Amino acid sequence: LSDRVVGPSRGIEVDFFGEKTQLPAGPVTVALRSGAQVVPSAIYFGPRPDDHHIVFRPPLVLDRSSRIRAAVTNGTRELARELELLIGRAPEQWHMLQPNWPSDRAAGSP
């Protein structure tokens, strides 16, 4: 998963839909260490049960010359911006079943 921190681990602080939260460092860390690319993508449901549409955004441009911590932070923040674009196309199809922002917890969400 790249859109939420799972379990007790800490993520990278990002601005996500106008509020600070954390996203996992894993996707960008793996890409930087392996030479792989991070390709933001989403699958959207259509009106029929067999109707799906997938969108691939351009691969993130990761700064492989920076120190790893800075590169992971910057790459994860760029991923957050890409996820906002993808989720914003059909927010009703984004399944977030846990608190994601500090305000969720403050409002008493489970």
C-alpha atoms as a PDB file:
ATOM      1  CA  LEU A   1       0.000   0.000   0.000  1.00  0.00           C
ATOM      2  CA  SER A   2       1.199   3.475  -0.753  1.00  0.00           C
ATOM      3  CA  ASP A   3      -1.775   5.527   0.451  1.00  0.00           C
ATOM      4  CA  ARG A   4      -1.728   4.704   4.183  1.00  0.00           C
ATOM      5  CA  VAL A   5       0.601   3.672   6.966  1.00  0.00           C
ATOM      6  CA  VAL A   6      -0.325   0.223   8.265  1.00  0.00           C
ATOM      7  CA  GLY A   7       0.518  -0.931  11.770  1.00  0.00           C
ATOM      8  CA  PRO A   8       2.753   0.775  14.291  1.00  0.00           C
ATOM      9  CA  SER A   9       5.388   1.963  11.818  1.00  0.00           C
ATOM     10  CA  ARG A  10       5.907   5.655  11.196  1.00  0.00           C
ATOM     11  CA  GLY A  11       5.759   7.131   7.748  1.00  0.00           C
ATOM     12  CA  ILE A  12       6.846  10.291   5.981  1.00  0.00           C
ATOM     13  CA  GLU A  13       4.928  13.453   6.825  1.00  0.00           C
ATOM     14  CA  VAL A  14       3.105  14.805   3.772  1.00  0.00           C
ATOM     15  CA  ASP A  15       0.377  17.295   2.938  1.00  0.00           C
ATOM     16  CA  PHE A  16      -2.488  15.149   1.695  1.00  0.00           C
ATOM     17  CA  PHE A  17      -5.764  16.770   0.684  1.00  0.00           C
ATOM     18  CA  GLY A  18      -4.946  19.872   2.689  1.00  0.00           C
ATOM     19  CA  GLU A  19      -3.925  18.232   5.946  1.00  0.00           C
ATOM     20  CA  LYS A  20      -0.690  16.800   7.251  1.00  0.00           C
ATOM     21  CA  THR A  21      -0.587  13.036   7.626  1.00  0.00           C
ATOM     22  CA  GLN A  22       1.891  10.251   6.960  1.00  0.00           C
ATOM     23  CA  LEU A  23       2.411   7.979   3.984  1.00  0.00           C
ATOM     24  CA  PRO A  24       4.650   4.907   4.050  1.00  0.00           C
ATOM     25  CA  ALA A  25       8.288   5.292   3.071  1.00  0.00           C
ATOM     26  CA  GLY A  26       8.423   1.789   1.570  1.00  0.00           C
ATOM     27  CA  PRO A  27       7.505   2.374  -2.082  1.00  0.00           C
ATOM     28  CA  VAL A  28      10.073   5.114  -2.620  1.00  0.00           C
ATOM     29  CA  THR A  29      12.719   3.412  -0.471  1.00  0.00           C
ATOM     30  CA  VAL A  30      12.456   0.182  -2.476  1.00  0.00           C
ATOM     31  CA  ALA A  31      12.626   2.119  -5.754  1.00  0.00           C
ATOM     32  CA  LEU A  32      15.700   4.061  -4.689  1.00  0.00           C
ATOM     33  CA  ARG A  33      17.532   0.996  -3.438  1.00  0.00           C
ATOM     34  CA  SER A  34      16.619  -1.268  -6.345  1.00  0.00           C
ATOM     35  CA  GLY A  35      16.617   1.139  -9.270  1.00  0.00           C
ATOM     36  CA  ALA A  36      12.927   0.425  -9.909  1.00  0.00           C
ATOM     37  CA  GLN A  37      10.386   3.093 -10.758  1.00  0.00           C
ATOM     38  CA  VAL A  38       7.362   4.222  -8.786  1.00  0.00           C
ATOM     39  CA  VAL A  39       4.407   4.429 -11.168  1.00  0.00           C
ATOM     40  CA  PRO A  40       1.349   5.962  -9.505  1.00  0.00           C
ATOM     41  CA  SER A  41      -1.767   4.189 -10.716  1.00  0.00           C
ATOM     42  CA  ALA A  42      -5.407   3.561  -9.922  1.00  0.00           C
ATOM     43  CA  ILE A  43      -8.194   1.250 -11.050  1.00  0.00           C
ATOM     44  CA  TYR A  44     -11.664   2.724 -11.358  1.00  0.00           C
ATOM     45  CA  PHE A  45     -14.928   0.795 -11.459  1.00  0.00           C
ATOM     46  CA  GLY A  46     -17.300   1.479 -14.331  1.00  0.00           C
ATOM     47  CA  PRO A  47     -21.075   1.105 -14.472  1.00  0.00           C
ATOM     48  CA  ARG A  48     -21.001  -2.633 -15.315  1.00  0.00           C
ATOM     49  CA  PRO A  49     -19.475  -5.363 -13.112  1.00  0.00           C
ATOM     50  CA  ASP A  50     -16.875  -6.143 -15.783  1.00  0.00           C
ATOM     51  CA  ASP A  51     -16.101  -2.489 -16.538  1.00  0.00           C
ATOM     52  CA  HIS A  52     -12.793  -1.311 -15.087  1.00  0.00           C
ATOM     53  CA  HIS A  53     -10.455   1.446 -16.161  1.00  0.00           C
ATOM     54  CA  ILE A  54      -6.815   1.694 -15.101  1.00  0.00           C
ATOM     55  CA  VAL A  55      -4.807   4.896 -15.150  1.00  0.00           C
ATOM     56  CA  PHE A  56      -1.020   5.032 -15.012  1.00  0.00           C
ATOM     57  CA  ARG A  57       0.604   8.348 -14.238  1.00  0.00           C
ATOM     58  CA  PRO A  58       4.180   9.078 -15.307  1.00  0.00           C
ATOM     59  CA  PRO A  59       6.854   7.495 -13.117  1.00  0.00           C
ATOM     60  CA  LEU A  60       8.085   9.648 -10.271  1.00  0.00           C
ATOM     61  CA  VAL A  61      11.369  11.409 -10.903  1.00  0.00           C
ATOM     62  CA  LEU A  62      13.420  10.402  -7.872  1.00  0.00           C
ATOM     63  CA  ASP A  63      16.585  12.244  -6.899  1.00  0.00           C
ATOM     64  CA  ARG A  64      19.035   9.374  -6.714  1.00  0.00           C
ATOM     65  CA  SER A  65      21.959  11.715  -6.003  1.00  0.00           C
ATOM     66  CA  SER A  66      20.616  12.968  -2.644  1.00  0.00           C
ATOM     67  CA  ARG A  67      21.069  11.351   0.712  1.00  0.00           C
ATOM     68  CA  ILE A  68      18.576   8.493   1.088  1.00  0.00           C
ATOM     69  CA  ARG A  69      16.470  10.144   3.806  1.00  0.00           C
ATOM     70  CA  ALA A  70      15.990  13.333   1.783  1.00  0.00           C
ATOM     71  CA  ALA A  71      15.293  11.383  -1.403  1.00  0.00           C
ATOM     72  CA  VAL A  72      12.686   9.207   0.338  1.00  0.00           C
ATOM     73  CA  THR A  73      11.009  12.244   1.900  1.00  0.00           C
ATOM     74  CA  ASN A  74      10.868  14.183  -1.367  1.00  0.00           C
ATOM     75  CA  GLY A  75       9.752  11.172  -3.399  1.00  0.00           C
ATOM     76  CA  THR A  76       7.002  10.294  -0.911  1.00  0.00           C
ATOM     77  CA  ARG A  77       5.734  13.872  -0.981  1.00  0.00           C
ATOM     78  CA  GLU A  78       5.614  13.728  -4.774  1.00  0.00           C
ATOM     79  CA  LEU A  79       3.718  10.432  -4.550  1.00  0.00           C
ATOM     80  CA  ALA A  80       1.189  12.130  -2.245  1.00  0.00           C
ATOM     81  CA  ARG A  81       0.524  14.767  -4.927  1.00  0.00           C
ATOM     82  CA  GLU A  82       0.030  12.064  -7.549  1.00  0.00           C
ATOM     83  CA  LEU A  83      -2.345  10.118  -5.292  1.00  0.00           C
ATOM     84  CA  GLU A  84      -4.385  13.278  -4.761  1.00  0.00           C
ATOM     85  CA  LEU A  85      -4.839  13.523  -8.533  1.00  0.00           C
ATOM     86  CA  LEU A  86      -5.819   9.876  -8.878  1.00  0.00           C
ATOM     87  CA  ILE A  87      -8.170   9.828  -5.889  1.00  0.00           C
ATOM     88  CA  GLY A  88      -9.658  13.178  -6.892  1.00  0.00           C
ATOM     89  CA  ARG A  89     -10.934  11.667 -10.167  1.00  0.00           C
ATOM     90  CA  ALA A  90     -13.357   9.423  -8.243  1.00  0.00           C
ATOM     91  CA  PRO A  91     -13.086   9.976  -4.482  1.00  0.00           C
ATOM     92  CA  GLU A  92     -16.104   7.767  -3.831  1.00  0.00           C
ATOM     93  CA  GLN A  93     -14.020   4.810  -5.051  1.00  0.00           C
ATOM     94  CA  TRP A  94     -11.175   5.369  -2.579  1.00  0.00           C
ATOM     95  CA  HIS A  95     -11.610   2.881   0.229  1.00  0.00           C
ATOM     96  CA  MET A  96     -10.132   4.247   3.441  1.00  0.00           C
ATOM     97  CA  LEU A  97     -11.368   2.103   6.302  1.00  0.00           C
ATOM     98  CA  GLN A  98      -9.196   3.541   9.054  1.00  0.00           C
ATOM     99  CA  PRO A  99      -8.376   6.989  10.404  1.00  0.00           C
ATOM    100  CA  ASN A 100      -5.854   8.651   8.121  1.00  0.00           C
ATOM    101  CA  TRP A 101      -5.450  12.226   9.317  1.00  0.00           C
ATOM    102  CA  PRO A 102      -4.868  13.498  12.855  1.00  0.00           C
ATOM    103  CA  SER A 103      -8.282  15.202  12.704  1.00  0.00           C
ATOM    104  CA  ASP A 104      -9.907  11.774  12.127  1.00  0.00           C
ATOM    105  CA  ARG A 105      -8.602  10.601  15.469  1.00  0.00           C
ATOM    106  CA  ALA A 106      -9.486  13.883  17.182  1.00  0.00           C
ATOM    107  CA  ALA A 107     -13.054  13.608  15.887  1.00  0.00           C
ATOM    108  CA  GLY A 108     -13.404  10.191  17.493  1.00  0.00           C
ATOM    109  CA  SER A 109     -13.147   7.977  14.414  1.00  0.00           C
ATOM    110  CA  PRO A 110     -12.362   4.368  15.303  1.00  0.00           C
END
